[in-house]
Amino acid sequence: MKNKSLIWNPFTRIAGWQAFGIGIVIVVVSAVIAGFGNLLFDGAIDAHFGDDVGVVKSLVVNGISLISVVLVMYITGLIISRDFRFVDILGTMTLARAPLLILALIALFVSSPSEAKVLENPMIVLNYPSLIIFGLISIPIIVWFVALMYNGLKVSTGAKGKKLVIGFIGGLLFAEIISKMLIHLIL
């Protein structure tokens, strides 16, 4: 039973530089694979298909998204708790992105319409069953990803209760906004 809880909260056993080391390898591998599948992790908790994404764009966008989350959650940690280390936020938020590797792998087998076709007729996505299946599979994976980030912040800061919940939700929304703005400005 104890090992099942590690799926939702591995941070009771791994944090800091060790979590960052494992996490950054997974983040880079995920971004490379996602680039081949034309998938972008373009926000704090987003994944979207694009036209000719490529590995470089995928790495840049994933990096911006990760840095946005880490910095915003660090600031959130300063607001909700004073007794924590930056490296713990860095490690837990990086390792929390591990479920995105599953989406990157699945993206290799998904066919999707071009962005122009979707803008012309949004209902065209119904002609792409693999895209619909991807969407359905992505829901529990994103839930898992968000749960990992929440537990990472909880373990890293030692915060709990309303302060933690409000801080996490606010931080996640702010990280989403910041990452989207930076991606738009840089690309």
Protein backbone atom coordinates (compact mmCIF):
# COMPACT_ATOMS: atom_id res chain seq x y z
CA MET A 1 0.00 0.00 0.00
CA LYS A 2 2.87 2.35 0.81
CA ASN A 3 4.34 2.00 -2.70
CA LYS A 4 1.02 3.03 -4.29
CA SER A 5 1.17 6.32 -2.42
CA LEU A 6 4.54 7.00 -4.07
CA ILE A 7 2.73 7.27 -7.41
CA TRP A 8 0.92 10.34 -6.07
CA ASN A 9 3.65 11.61 -3.77
CA PRO A 10 7.18 10.34 -4.44
CA PHE A 11 8.50 13.47 -2.74
CA THR A 12 8.40 11.86 0.69
CA ARG A 13 11.38 9.82 -0.53
CA ILE A 14 12.96 11.97 -3.22
CA ALA A 15 13.39 15.73 -3.45
CA GLY A 16 16.07 18.33 -4.01
CA TRP A 17 18.90 17.69 -6.44
CA GLN A 18 18.07 14.00 -6.81
CA ALA A 19 14.49 14.79 -7.89
CA PHE A 20 15.79 17.53 -10.18
CA GLY A 21 18.35 15.19 -11.79
CA ILE A 22 15.81 12.49 -12.54
CA GLY A 23 13.15 15.04 -13.47
CA ILE A 24 15.29 17.03 -15.90
CA VAL A 25 16.22 13.86 -17.80
CA ILE A 26 12.52 13.00 -18.07
CA VAL A 27 11.65 16.59 -19.09
CA VAL A 28 14.27 16.62 -21.87
CA VAL A 29 13.33 13.15 -23.14
CA SER A 30 9.64 14.13 -23.06
CA ALA A 31 10.30 17.33 -24.99
CA VAL A 32 12.35 15.55 -27.65
CA ILE A 33 9.75 12.83 -28.15
CA ALA A 34 6.90 15.38 -28.07
CA GLY A 35 8.70 17.39 -30.76
CA PHE A 36 8.61 14.37 -33.08
CA GLY A 37 4.90 13.96 -32.29
CA ASN A 38 4.17 17.67 -32.95
CA LEU A 39 3.07 18.09 -29.33
CA LEU A 40 3.92 21.16 -27.26
CA PHE A 41 3.79 21.38 -23.48
CA ASP A 42 3.01 25.05 -23.86
CA GLY A 43 2.04 26.25 -20.42
CA ALA A 44 2.10 25.27 -16.78
CA ILE A 45 -0.36 22.41 -17.39
CA ASP A 46 -1.00 22.51 -21.16
CA ALA A 47 -0.38 20.16 -24.05
CA HIS A 48 -1.37 21.11 -27.59
CA PHE A 49 -0.61 19.76 -31.03
CA GLY A 50 0.89 22.11 -33.58
CA ASP A 51 2.18 22.13 -37.13
CA ASP A 52 5.84 21.15 -37.57
CA VAL A 53 6.71 21.60 -33.90
CA GLY A 54 10.18 20.07 -34.03
CA VAL A 55 12.56 19.23 -31.23
CA VAL A 56 14.11 22.68 -30.73
CA LYS A 57 10.77 24.46 -30.38
CA SER A 58 9.54 21.71 -28.08
CA LEU A 59 12.62 22.02 -25.84
CA VAL A 60 12.35 25.83 -25.68
CA VAL A 61 8.63 25.83 -24.90
CA ASN A 62 8.97 23.06 -22.32
CA GLY A 63 11.86 24.94 -20.71
CA ILE A 64 9.83 28.16 -20.49
CA SER A 65 6.91 26.26 -18.99
CA LEU A 66 9.09 24.52 -16.40
CA ILE A 67 10.96 27.68 -15.39
CA SER A 68 7.67 29.57 -15.04
CA VAL A 69 6.25 26.91 -12.73
CA VAL A 70 9.41 26.64 -10.63
CA LEU A 71 9.77 30.39 -10.12
CA VAL A 72 6.10 31.01 -9.41
CA MET A 73 5.91 28.08 -6.98
CA TYR A 74 9.06 29.37 -5.27
CA ILE A 75 7.41 32.76 -4.80
CA THR A 76 4.25 30.99 -3.64
CA GLY A 77 6.38 29.08 -1.14
CA LEU A 78 7.81 32.34 0.19
CA ILE A 79 4.27 33.58 0.76
CA ILE A 80 2.87 30.46 2.43
CA SER A 81 5.98 29.27 4.28
CA ARG A 82 9.40 30.62 5.13
CA ASP A 83 11.11 27.35 5.98
CA PHE A 84 12.06 25.61 2.72
CA ARG A 85 14.83 25.38 0.15
CA PHE A 86 14.66 26.53 -3.48
CA VAL A 87 16.26 23.26 -4.58
CA ASP A 88 13.31 21.32 -3.17
CA ILE A 89 10.84 23.36 -5.24
CA LEU A 90 13.12 22.97 -8.26
CA GLY A 91 13.35 19.21 -7.81
CA THR A 92 9.73 18.48 -7.02
CA MET A 93 8.29 20.69 -9.76
CA THR A 94 10.67 19.20 -12.31
CA LEU A 95 9.99 15.59 -11.33
CA ALA A 96 6.24 16.32 -11.21
CA ARG A 97 6.39 16.65 -15.02
CA ALA A 98 7.16 12.93 -15.35
CA PRO A 99 3.59 11.97 -16.42
CA LEU A 100 4.01 14.18 -19.48
CA LEU A 101 6.39 11.54 -20.86
CA ILE A 102 3.35 9.30 -21.34
CA LEU A 103 1.59 12.00 -23.38
CA ALA A 104 4.73 12.54 -25.46
CA LEU A 105 4.93 8.83 -26.28
CA ILE A 106 1.25 8.62 -27.19
CA ALA A 107 1.58 11.74 -29.38
CA LEU A 108 3.83 9.77 -31.74
CA PHE A 109 0.76 7.76 -32.77
CA VAL A 110 -1.75 10.61 -33.04
CA SER A 111 -2.76 12.21 -36.29
CA SER A 112 -4.28 15.64 -36.07
CA PRO A 113 -5.52 18.27 -38.52
CA SER A 114 -3.45 21.35 -39.24
CA GLU A 115 -4.10 24.44 -37.18
CA ALA A 116 -5.52 26.17 -40.27
CA LYS A 117 -8.05 23.38 -40.82
CA VAL A 118 -9.14 23.50 -37.19
CA LEU A 119 -9.61 27.28 -37.41
CA GLU A 120 -11.72 26.83 -40.54
CA ASN A 121 -13.84 24.06 -39.04
CA PRO A 122 -13.34 23.10 -35.37
CA MET A 123 -15.56 20.04 -35.81
CA ILE A 124 -12.91 18.49 -38.08
CA VAL A 125 -11.26 17.05 -34.97
CA LEU A 126 -14.09 14.50 -34.85
CA ASN A 127 -12.59 12.96 -38.01
CA TYR A 128 -9.41 12.11 -36.07
CA PRO A 129 -10.19 9.27 -33.64
CA SER A 130 -6.60 9.06 -32.40
CA LEU A 131 -6.82 12.72 -31.36
CA ILE A 132 -10.05 12.06 -29.45
CA ILE A 133 -8.49 9.06 -27.70
CA PHE A 134 -5.44 11.19 -26.87
CA GLY A 135 -7.74 13.80 -25.31
CA LEU A 136 -9.46 11.20 -23.16
CA ILE A 137 -6.18 9.64 -22.03
CA SER A 138 -4.71 13.05 -21.26
CA ILE A 139 -7.34 13.87 -18.60
CA PRO A 140 -6.14 11.41 -15.91
CA ILE A 141 -2.51 12.13 -16.82
CA ILE A 142 -2.99 15.87 -16.31
CA VAL A 143 -4.81 15.17 -13.02
CA TRP A 144 -1.84 13.05 -11.93
CA PHE A 145 0.57 15.80 -13.03
CA VAL A 146 -1.32 18.47 -11.04
CA ALA A 147 -1.51 16.18 -7.98
CA LEU A 148 2.26 15.70 -8.16
CA MET A 149 2.83 19.45 -8.30
CA TYR A 150 0.49 19.98 -5.34
CA ASN A 151 2.22 17.29 -3.29
CA GLY A 152 5.61 18.65 -4.33
CA LEU A 153 4.70 22.10 -3.01
CA LYS A 154 3.21 20.58 0.14
CA VAL A 155 6.26 18.48 0.95
CA SER A 156 8.76 21.18 -0.05
CA THR A 157 7.21 23.95 2.03
CA GLY A 158 5.56 22.00 4.84
CA ALA A 159 2.47 24.17 4.35
CA LYS A 160 -1.00 22.75 4.81
CA GLY A 161 -4.66 23.65 4.94
CA LYS A 162 -6.29 26.60 3.22
CA LYS A 163 -3.00 28.46 2.89
CA LEU A 164 -1.53 25.60 0.83
CA VAL A 165 -4.63 25.07 -1.32
CA ILE A 166 -5.14 28.76 -2.11
CA GLY A 167 -1.41 29.27 -2.66
CA PHE A 168 -1.18 26.30 -5.01
CA ILE A 169 -4.24 27.23 -7.08
CA GLY A 170 -3.17 30.87 -7.31
CA GLY A 171 0.40 29.89 -8.12
CA LEU A 172 -0.68 27.45 -10.79
CA LEU A 173 -2.95 30.01 -12.46
CA PHE A 174 -0.23 32.66 -12.32
CA ALA A 175 2.37 30.20 -13.70
CA GLU A 176 0.00 29.40 -16.57
CA ILE A 177 -0.39 33.10 -17.42
CA ILE A 178 3.34 33.83 -17.14
CA SER A 179 4.33 30.81 -19.24
CA LYS A 180 1.82 31.66 -21.97
CA MET A 181 3.01 35.28 -22.09
CA LEU A 182 6.68 34.29 -22.25
CA ILE A 183 6.08 31.68 -24.92
CA HIS A 184 4.17 34.24 -26.98
CA LEU A 185 6.91 36.86 -26.54
CA ILE A 186 9.83 34.53 -27.26
CA LEU A 187 8.26 32.62 -30.13
